[in-house]
C-alpha atoms as a PDB file:
ATOM      1  CA  MET A   1       3.197  35.581 -14.813  1.00  0.00           C
ATOM      2  CA  LEU A   2       6.536  35.347 -12.989  1.00  0.00           C
ATOM      3  CA  ASP A   3       4.739  33.953  -9.919  1.00  0.00           C
ATOM      4  CA  ILE A   4       2.984  31.334 -12.072  1.00  0.00           C
ATOM      5  CA  ILE A   5       6.245  30.246 -13.727  1.00  0.00           C
ATOM      6  CA  SER A   6       7.910  30.044 -10.309  1.00  0.00           C
ATOM      7  CA  ALA A   7       4.992  27.967  -9.032  1.00  0.00           C
ATOM      8  CA  GLY A   8       5.359  25.613 -12.007  1.00  0.00           C
ATOM      9  CA  PHE A   9       9.066  25.117 -11.323  1.00  0.00           C
ATOM     10  CA  ILE A  10       8.309  24.422  -7.645  1.00  0.00           C
ATOM     11  CA  ILE A  11       5.635  21.889  -8.636  1.00  0.00           C
ATOM     12  CA  PHE A  12       8.060  20.138 -10.987  1.00  0.00           C
ATOM     13  CA  LEU A  13      10.846  19.788  -8.415  1.00  0.00           C
ATOM     14  CA  THR A  14       8.655  18.751  -5.502  1.00  0.00           C
ATOM     15  CA  HIS A  15       6.668  16.189  -7.497  1.00  0.00           C
ATOM     16  CA  LEU A  16       9.926  14.822  -8.902  1.00  0.00           C
ATOM     17  CA  LEU A  17      10.970  14.133  -5.306  1.00  0.00           C
ATOM     18  CA  GLU A  18       7.567  12.711  -4.416  1.00  0.00           C
ATOM     19  CA  GLY A  19       7.676  10.470  -7.482  1.00  0.00           C
ATOM     20  CA  ILE A  20      10.880   8.980  -6.099  1.00  0.00           C
ATOM     21  CA  SER A  21       9.928   8.700  -2.422  1.00  0.00           C
ATOM     22  CA  GLY A  22       6.121   8.680  -2.257  1.00  0.00           C
ATOM     23  CA  PHE A  23       5.900  11.741  -0.003  1.00  0.00           C
ATOM     24  CA  GLY A  24       7.193  15.269   0.394  1.00  0.00           C
ATOM     25  CA  GLY A  25       5.607  17.026  -2.575  1.00  0.00           C
ATOM     26  CA  SER A  26       3.027  19.025  -0.650  1.00  0.00           C
ATOM     27  CA  VAL A  27       5.103  19.749   2.435  1.00  0.00           C
ATOM     28  CA  LEU A  28       8.003  20.996   0.304  1.00  0.00           C
ATOM     29  CA  ALA A  29       5.888  23.019  -2.100  1.00  0.00           C
ATOM     30  CA  LEU A  30       3.534  24.635   0.412  1.00  0.00           C
ATOM     31  CA  PRO A  31       5.884  27.285   1.904  1.00  0.00           C
ATOM     32  CA  PHE A  32       6.918  28.507  -1.568  1.00  0.00           C
ATOM     33  CA  LEU A  33       3.460  28.396  -3.137  1.00  0.00           C
ATOM     34  CA  ASP A  34       2.207  30.364  -0.130  1.00  0.00           C
ATOM     35  CA  MET A  35       4.462  33.214  -1.297  1.00  0.00           C
ATOM     36  CA  THR A  36       3.366  33.001  -4.938  1.00  0.00           C
ATOM     37  CA  ILE A  37      -0.337  32.077  -5.103  1.00  0.00           C
ATOM     38  CA  GLY A  38      -1.450  32.177  -1.435  1.00  0.00           C
ATOM     39  CA  LEU A  39      -1.887  29.488   1.209  1.00  0.00           C
ATOM     40  CA  LYS A  40      -5.583  28.688   0.706  1.00  0.00           C
ATOM     41  CA  THR A  41      -5.283  28.357  -3.067  1.00  0.00           C
ATOM     42  CA  ALA A  42      -2.018  26.404  -2.770  1.00  0.00           C
ATOM     43  CA  VAL A  43      -3.515  23.842  -0.364  1.00  0.00           C
ATOM     44  CA  LYS A  44      -6.421  23.131  -2.712  1.00  0.00           C
ATOM     45  CA  LEU A  45      -4.308  22.912  -5.859  1.00  0.00           C
ATOM     46  CA  LEU A  46      -1.803  20.612  -4.149  1.00  0.00           C
ATOM     47  CA  CYS A  47      -4.676  18.414  -3.021  1.00  0.00           C
ATOM     48  CA  ILE A  48      -5.920  18.013  -6.607  1.00  0.00           C
ATOM     49  CA  LEU A  49      -2.431  17.400  -7.994  1.00  0.00           C
ATOM     50  CA  GLY A  50      -1.684  15.025  -5.108  1.00  0.00           C
ATOM     51  CA  PHE A  51      -4.842  13.065  -5.885  1.00  0.00           C
ATOM     52  CA  ILE A  52      -3.781  12.621  -9.519  1.00  0.00           C
ATOM     53  CA  MET A  53      -0.238  11.641  -8.574  1.00  0.00           C
ATOM     54  CA  ALA A  54      -1.321   9.152  -5.912  1.00  0.00           C
ATOM     55  CA  LEU A  55      -3.823   7.599  -8.324  1.00  0.00           C
ATOM     56  CA  TYR A  56      -1.052   7.031 -10.890  1.00  0.00           C
ATOM     57  CA  ILE A  57       1.275   5.388  -8.350  1.00  0.00           C
ATOM     58  CA  VAL A  58      -1.491   3.172  -6.923  1.00  0.00           C
ATOM     59  CA  ILE A  59      -2.567   1.989 -10.383  1.00  0.00           C
ATOM     60  CA  ARG A  60       1.044   1.307 -11.341  1.00  0.00           C
ATOM     61  CA  SER A  61       2.074  -0.611  -8.193  1.00  0.00           C
ATOM     62  CA  TRP A  62      -1.167  -1.749  -6.508  1.00  0.00           C
ATOM     63  CA  ARG A  63       0.089  -5.338  -6.155  1.00  0.00           C
ATOM     64  CA  SER A  64       2.713  -4.096  -3.678  1.00  0.00           C
ATOM     65  CA  ILE A  65       0.202  -2.547  -1.257  1.00  0.00           C
ATOM     66  CA  ILE A  66       0.369  -3.961   2.277  1.00  0.00           C
ATOM     67  CA  TRP A  67      -3.322  -3.775   3.137  1.00  0.00           C
ATOM     68  CA  LYS A  68      -2.857  -4.521   6.828  1.00  0.00           C
ATOM     69  CA  GLU A  69      -0.495  -1.580   7.230  1.00  0.00           C
ATOM     70  CA  PHE A  70      -2.700   0.655   5.092  1.00  0.00           C
ATOM     71  CA  LEU A  71      -5.712  -0.072   7.309  1.00  0.00           C
ATOM     72  CA  TYR A  72      -3.647   0.481  10.467  1.00  0.00           C
ATOM     73  CA  ILE A  73      -2.383   3.846   9.188  1.00  0.00           C
ATOM     74  CA  SER A  74      -5.841   4.827   7.944  1.00  0.00           C
ATOM     75  CA  PHE A  75      -7.513   4.053  11.264  1.00  0.00           C
ATOM     76  CA  TRP A  76      -5.235   6.146  13.479  1.00  0.00           C
ATOM     77  CA  ALA A  77      -4.640   8.943  10.988  1.00  0.00           C
ATOM     78  CA  GLY A  78      -8.317   8.898  10.043  1.00  0.00           C
ATOM     79  CA  LEU A  79      -9.203   9.874  13.600  1.00  0.00           C
ATOM     80  CA  GLY A  80      -7.261  13.099  13.151  1.00  0.00           C
ATOM     81  CA  LEU A  81      -8.312  13.850   9.573  1.00  0.00           C
ATOM     82  CA  PRO A  82     -11.742  15.407  10.379  1.00  0.00           C
ATOM     83  CA  CYS A  83     -10.111  17.610  13.030  1.00  0.00           C
ATOM     84  CA  GLY A  84      -7.707  19.010  10.444  1.00  0.00           C
ATOM     85  CA  MET A  85     -10.485  19.565   7.908  1.00  0.00           C
ATOM     86  CA  LEU A  86     -12.556  21.478  10.486  1.00  0.00           C
ATOM     87  CA  LEU A  87      -9.576  23.569  11.605  1.00  0.00           C
ATOM     88  CA  PHE A  88      -8.425  24.468   8.069  1.00  0.00           C
ATOM     89  CA  ASP A  89     -10.049  27.917   8.276  1.00  0.00           C
ATOM     90  CA  ARG A  90      -9.122  28.513  11.935  1.00  0.00           C
ATOM     91  CA  LEU A  91      -5.550  27.307  12.508  1.00  0.00           C
ATOM     92  CA  PRO A  92      -2.737  29.888  12.882  1.00  0.00           C
ATOM     93  CA  ALA A  93      -0.977  28.500   9.823  1.00  0.00           C
ATOM     94  CA  ASN A  94       2.426  30.176  10.222  1.00  0.00           C
ATOM     95  CA  CYS A  95       2.830  29.190  13.880  1.00  0.00           C
ATOM     96  CA  LEU A  96       1.831  25.600  13.128  1.00  0.00           C
ATOM     97  CA  CYS A  97       4.241  25.408  10.197  1.00  0.00           C
ATOM     98  CA  VAL A  98       7.129  26.622  12.384  1.00  0.00           C
ATOM     99  CA  LEU A  99       6.421  23.915  14.976  1.00  0.00           C
ATOM    100  CA  LEU A 100       6.008  21.283  12.269  1.00  0.00           C
ATOM    101  CA  GLY A 101       9.282  22.382  10.677  1.00  0.00           C
ATOM    102  CA  MET A 102      11.162  21.995  13.969  1.00  0.00           C
ATOM    103  CA  PHE A 103       9.763  18.505  14.416  1.00  0.00           C
ATOM    104  CA  MET A 104      10.691  17.529  10.845  1.00  0.00           C
ATOM    105  CA  ILE A 105      14.262  18.762  11.280  1.00  0.00           C
ATOM    106  CA  GLY A 106      14.769  16.693  14.445  1.00  0.00           C
ATOM    107  CA  THR A 107      13.265  13.572  12.910  1.00  0.00           C
ATOM    108  CA  GLY A 108      15.264  13.954   9.705  1.00  0.00           C
ATOM    109  CA  ILE A 109      18.557  14.339  11.562  1.00  0.00           C
ATOM    110  CA  GLN A 110      17.838  11.310  13.719  1.00  0.00           C
ATOM    111  CA  GLY A 111      16.886   9.187  10.709  1.00  0.00           C
ATOM    112  CA  VAL A 112      19.978  10.158   8.716  1.00  0.00           C
ATOM    113  CA  ARG A 113      22.185   9.392  11.718  1.00  0.00           C
ATOM    114  CA  LYS A 114      20.639   5.939  12.138  1.00  0.00           C
ATOM    115  CA  ASN A 115      20.960   5.110   8.446  1.00  0.00           C
ATOM    116  CA  LEU A 116      24.615   6.083   8.471  1.00  0.00           C
ATOM    117  CA  SER A 117      25.207   3.799  11.459  1.00  0.00           C
ATOM    118  CA  SER A 118      24.927   0.020  11.670  1.00  0.00           C
ATOM    119  CA  SER A 119      21.134  -0.077  12.129  1.00  0.00           C
ATOM    120  CA  SER A 120      19.641  -2.288   9.416  1.00  0.00           C
ATOM    121  CA  PRO A 121      16.175  -1.938   7.858  1.00  0.00           C
ATOM    122  CA  ALA A 122      15.350  -5.562   8.646  1.00  0.00           C
ATOM    123  CA  ALA A 123      16.138  -5.167  12.321  1.00  0.00           C
ATOM    124  CA  GLU A 124      14.124  -1.978  12.511  1.00  0.00           C
ATOM    125  CA  CYS A 125      11.149  -3.600  10.813  1.00  0.00           C
ATOM    126  CA  ARG A 126      11.142  -6.544  13.247  1.00  0.00           C
ATOM    127  CA  ASN A 127      10.774  -4.202  16.207  1.00  0.00           C
ATOM    128  CA  SER A 128       6.988  -4.430  16.302  1.00  0.00           C
ATOM    129  CA  ASP A 129       6.811  -3.030  19.832  1.00  0.00           C
ATOM    130  CA  ILE A 130       8.138   0.303  18.602  1.00  0.00           C
ATOM    131  CA  ARG A 131       5.961   0.295  15.494  1.00  0.00           C
ATOM    132  CA  ARG A 132       2.800  -0.480  17.445  1.00  0.00           C
ATOM    133  CA  SER A 133       3.549   1.806  20.392  1.00  0.00           C
ATOM    134  CA  TRP A 134       1.192   4.560  21.488  1.00  0.00           C
ATOM    135  CA  LEU A 135       3.829   7.090  20.441  1.00  0.00           C
ATOM    136  CA  MET A 136       3.560   5.869  16.851  1.00  0.00           C
ATOM    137  CA  ARG A 137      -0.230   6.015  17.052  1.00  0.00           C
ATOM    138  CA  ILE A 138       0.022   9.619  18.240  1.00  0.00           C
ATOM    139  CA  PHE A 139       2.292  10.405  15.291  1.00  0.00           C
ATOM    140  CA  LEU A 140      -0.254   8.902  12.893  1.00  0.00           C
ATOM    141  CA  PHE A 141      -3.076  10.816  14.573  1.00  0.00           C
ATOM    142  CA  CYS A 142      -1.135  14.091  14.290  1.00  0.00           C
ATOM    143  CA  GLY A 143      -0.335  13.245  10.671  1.00  0.00           C
ATOM    144  CA  GLY A 144      -4.068  12.930  10.045  1.00  0.00           C
ATOM    145  CA  ILE A 145      -4.694  16.385  11.531  1.00  0.00           C
ATOM    146  CA  ILE A 146      -1.975  18.008   9.415  1.00  0.00           C
ATOM    147  CA  GLN A 147      -3.114  16.078   6.338  1.00  0.00           C
ATOM    148  CA  GLY A 148      -6.684  17.282   6.829  1.00  0.00           C
ATOM    149  CA  ALA A 149      -5.632  20.892   7.338  1.00  0.00           C
ATOM    150  CA  PHE A 150      -2.754  21.348   4.912  1.00  0.00           C
ATOM    151  CA  GLY A 151      -2.437  18.110   2.938  1.00  0.00           C
ATOM    152  CA  SER A 152       1.129  17.716   4.209  1.00  0.00           C
ATOM    153  CA  GLY A 153       0.947  15.119   6.974  1.00  0.00           C
ATOM    154  CA  GLY A 154       3.751  13.116   5.364  1.00  0.00           C
ATOM    155  CA  PRO A 155       6.435  13.813   7.986  1.00  0.00           C
ATOM    156  CA  PHE A 156       4.395  12.148  10.741  1.00  0.00           C
ATOM    157  CA  MET A 157       3.438   9.233   8.470  1.00  0.00           C
ATOM    158  CA  VAL A 158       7.040   8.663   7.440  1.00  0.00           C
ATOM    159  CA  ILE A 159       8.148   8.140  11.036  1.00  0.00           C
ATOM    160  CA  TYR A 160       5.865   5.104  11.231  1.00  0.00           C
ATOM    161  CA  ALA A 161       6.094   3.960   7.603  1.00  0.00           C
ATOM    162  CA  ALA A 162       9.905   3.998   7.544  1.00  0.00           C
ATOM    163  CA  LYS A 163       9.845   1.390  10.331  1.00  0.00           C
ATOM    164  CA  ALA A 164       6.873  -0.672   9.139  1.00  0.00           C
ATOM    165  CA  LEU A 165       7.523  -0.559   5.367  1.00  0.00           C
ATOM    166  CA  PRO A 166      11.278  -0.792   4.703  1.00  0.00           C
ATOM    167  CA  ASP A 167      10.851  -1.833   1.047  1.00  0.00           C
ATOM    168  CA  LYS A 168      10.891   1.327  -1.077  1.00  0.00           C
ATOM    169  CA  THR A 169       8.130   0.308  -3.511  1.00  0.00           C
ATOM    170  CA  VAL A 170       5.838  -0.943  -0.728  1.00  0.00           C
ATOM    171  CA  PHE A 171       6.552   2.263   1.227  1.00  0.00           C
ATOM    172  CA  ARG A 172       5.669   4.475  -1.727  1.00  0.00           C
ATOM    173  CA  VAL A 173       2.492   2.767  -2.927  1.00  0.00           C
ATOM    174  CA  THR A 174       1.019   2.128   0.537  1.00  0.00           C
ATOM    175  CA  LEU A 175       1.446   5.779   1.502  1.00  0.00           C
ATOM    176  CA  SER A 176       0.151   6.855  -1.912  1.00  0.00           C
ATOM    177  CA  LEU A 177      -3.043   4.877  -1.332  1.00  0.00           C
ATOM    178  CA  PHE A 178      -3.507   6.779   1.925  1.00  0.00           C
ATOM    179  CA  TRP A 179      -2.924  10.125   0.148  1.00  0.00           C
ATOM    180  CA  LEU A 180      -5.465   9.060  -2.487  1.00  0.00           C
ATOM    181  CA  VAL A 181      -8.153   8.340   0.098  1.00  0.00           C
ATOM    182  CA  THR A 182      -7.532  11.431   2.237  1.00  0.00           C
ATOM    183  CA  ASN A 183      -7.330  13.797  -0.724  1.00  0.00           C
ATOM    184  CA  SER A 184     -10.604  12.338  -2.004  1.00  0.00           C
ATOM    185  CA  CYS A 185     -12.257  13.143   1.337  1.00  0.00           C
ATOM    186  CA  ARG A 186     -10.935  16.687   1.300  1.00  0.00           C
ATOM    187  CA  LEU A 187     -12.029  17.288  -2.305  1.00  0.00           C
ATOM    188  CA  ILE A 188     -15.518  15.967  -1.543  1.00  0.00           C
ATOM    189  CA  ASN A 189     -15.738  18.285   1.472  1.00  0.00           C
ATOM    190  CA  TRP A 190     -14.636  21.336  -0.547  1.00  0.00           C
ATOM    191  CA  SER A 191     -16.964  20.389  -3.403  1.00  0.00           C
ATOM    192  CA  ILE A 192     -19.906  20.352  -1.000  1.00  0.00           C
ATOM    193  CA  GLN A 193     -18.812  23.753   0.294  1.00  0.00           C
ATOM    194  CA  ARG A 194     -18.311  24.962  -3.316  1.00  0.00           C
ATOM    195  CA  THR A 195     -14.875  26.393  -2.512  1.00  0.00           C
ATOM    196  CA  VAL A 196     -12.592  24.487  -4.866  1.00  0.00           C
ATOM    197  CA  TRP A 197     -14.025  24.266  -8.394  1.00  0.00           C
ATOM    198  CA  ASN A 198     -13.807  27.802  -9.776  1.00  0.00           C
ATOM    199  CA  TRP A 199     -12.335  29.415 -12.856  1.00  0.00           C
ATOM    200  CA  GLU A 200      -9.152  30.666 -11.145  1.00  0.00           C
ATOM    201  CA  ASN A 201      -8.298  27.221  -9.794  1.00  0.00           C
ATOM    202  CA  PHE A 202      -9.020  25.608 -13.163  1.00  0.00           C
ATOM    203  CA  ARG A 203      -6.736  28.116 -14.870  1.00  0.00           C
ATOM    204  CA  LEU A 204      -3.897  27.442 -12.446  1.00  0.00           C
ATOM    205  CA  LEU A 205      -4.399  23.678 -12.744  1.00  0.00           C
ATOM    206  CA  LEU A 206      -4.114  23.818 -16.533  1.00  0.00           C
ATOM    207  CA  ILE A 207      -0.839  25.713 -16.195  1.00  0.00           C
ATOM    208  CA  LEU A 208       0.658  23.601 -13.393  1.00  0.00           C
ATOM    209  CA  PHE A 209      -0.483  20.161 -14.568  1.00  0.00           C
ATOM    210  CA  PRO A 210       2.276  19.693 -17.218  1.00  0.00           C
ATOM    211  CA  PHE A 211       4.916  20.545 -14.616  1.00  0.00           C
ATOM    212  CA  MET A 212       3.465  17.959 -12.224  1.00  0.00           C
ATOM    213  CA  ILE A 213       3.253  15.224 -14.868  1.00  0.00           C
ATOM    214  CA  THR A 214       6.843  15.812 -16.000  1.00  0.00           C
ATOM    215  CA  GLY A 215       8.135  15.651 -12.421  1.00  0.00           C
ATOM    216  CA  LEU A 216       6.036  12.576 -11.658  1.00  0.00           C
ATOM    217  CA  LEU A 217       7.201  10.548 -14.674  1.00  0.00           C
ATOM    218  CA  LEU A 218      10.856  11.427 -14.134  1.00  0.00           C
ATOM    219  CA  GLY A 219      10.580  10.660 -10.416  1.00  0.00           C
ATOM    220  CA  ASP A 220       8.895   7.327 -11.142  1.00  0.00           C
ATOM    221  CA  LEU A 221      11.746   6.399 -13.462  1.00  0.00           C
ATOM    222  CA  LEU A 222      14.362   7.298 -10.855  1.00  0.00           C
ATOM    223  CA  HIS A 223      12.464   5.435  -8.100  1.00  0.00           C
ATOM    224  CA  HIS A 224      13.245   2.071  -9.697  1.00  0.00           C
ATOM    225  CA  LYS A 225      16.939   2.917 -10.086  1.00  0.00           C
ATOM    226  CA  VAL A 226      17.662   3.987  -6.497  1.00  0.00           C
ATOM    227  CA  SER A 227      18.992   1.403  -4.026  1.00  0.00           C
ATOM    228  CA  ALA A 228      17.018   0.630  -0.846  1.00  0.00           C
ATOM    229  CA  HIS A 229      19.687   2.136   1.435  1.00  0.00           C
ATOM    230  CA  CYS A 230      19.935   5.325  -0.618  1.00  0.00           C
ATOM    231  CA  PHE A 231      16.147   5.494  -0.685  1.00  0.00           C
ATOM    232  CA  ARG A 232      15.840   5.396   3.114  1.00  0.00           C
ATOM    233  CA  LEU A 233      18.670   7.906   3.520  1.00  0.00           C
ATOM    234  CA  GLY A 234      17.005  10.142   0.957  1.00  0.00           C
ATOM    235  CA  VAL A 235      13.641   9.931   2.722  1.00  0.00           C
ATOM    236  CA  TYR A 236      15.082  11.237   5.986  1.00  0.00           C
ATOM    237  CA  THR A 237      17.229  13.826   4.198  1.00  0.00           C
ATOM    238  CA  LEU A 238      14.151  15.080   2.375  1.00  0.00           C
ATOM    239  CA  LEU A 239      12.260  15.175   5.653  1.00  0.00           C
ATOM    240  CA  GLY A 240      14.921  17.292   7.336  1.00  0.00           C
ATOM    241  CA  THR A 241      15.343  19.577   4.332  1.00  0.00           C
ATOM    242  CA  SER A 242      11.587  20.107   4.146  1.00  0.00           C
ATOM    243  CA  GLY A 243      11.605  21.040   7.828  1.00  0.00           C
ATOM    244  CA  ILE A 244      14.392  23.575   7.400  1.00  0.00           C
ATOM    245  CA  LEU A 245      12.594  25.223   4.482  1.00  0.00           C
ATOM    246  CA  MET A 246       9.240  25.276   6.246  1.00  0.00           C
ATOM    247  CA  PHE A 247      10.789  26.617   9.462  1.00  0.00           C
ATOM    248  CA  ALA A 248      12.799  29.356   7.730  1.00  0.00           C
ATOM    249  CA  VAL A 249      10.022  30.572   5.429  1.00  0.00           C
ATOM    250  CA  ASN A 250       7.406  30.791   8.174  1.00  0.00           C
ATOM    251  CA  LEU A 251       9.637  32.063  11.000  1.00  0.00           C
ATOM    252  CA  LYS A 252      10.356  35.326   9.234  1.00  0.00           C
ATOM    253  CA  THR A 253       6.628  36.112   9.106  1.00  0.00           C
ATOM    254  CA  PHE A 254       6.803  36.763  12.862  1.00  0.00           C
ATOM    255  CA  PHE A 255       9.332  39.582  12.423  1.00  0.00           C
END
């Protein structure tokens, strides 16, 4: 029971943050849920909760979706998504999470530094050469792999989306549409394999759902009250913090 209550509190906090920013819920929650309910169960529950959350955000703000950017993200990340889904049962999860955490920390620090300097969102958005570079396409592809495997490809997506979608509402809803589509694919795959819809998962969902809804609604309220500059600074801070937590939790499993 203590593990379930702890999981509920984790779900509330992480979905509060995702309600504000449009990403980070799964990648923040995964290391802690791994310790309470197990990695495989946590990934599937977060996928279901992420689907519900993304659906709410898309319905609420669908007019703000930038379809061109959504299709661009979906194409390159979609190439990596099947790889992640196939590797879900084979990847050395702890090693991958350590490497992902290191990458997130570096990206978060760099983003915070830039936002505290004179670099403006408008200038960054106009730099189409950077946004359309092969490096960004690789990031999106890697994000698709991680999204397919763990449902937490947000850090790679944010690197591109923070440059291409500087408006906070556009950023959130366009990414949420991508989470909605990818989580749908993963749920369909697990449903075919008959590995997701069982009594234990239903029981945990019934317990965790109120925590997710409360965090989502509060985060959605705060999203519309946060300034654009604070939003971008918060996105990179959340990215770096997520990386530190993921790195620390998984590194100790090697000792």
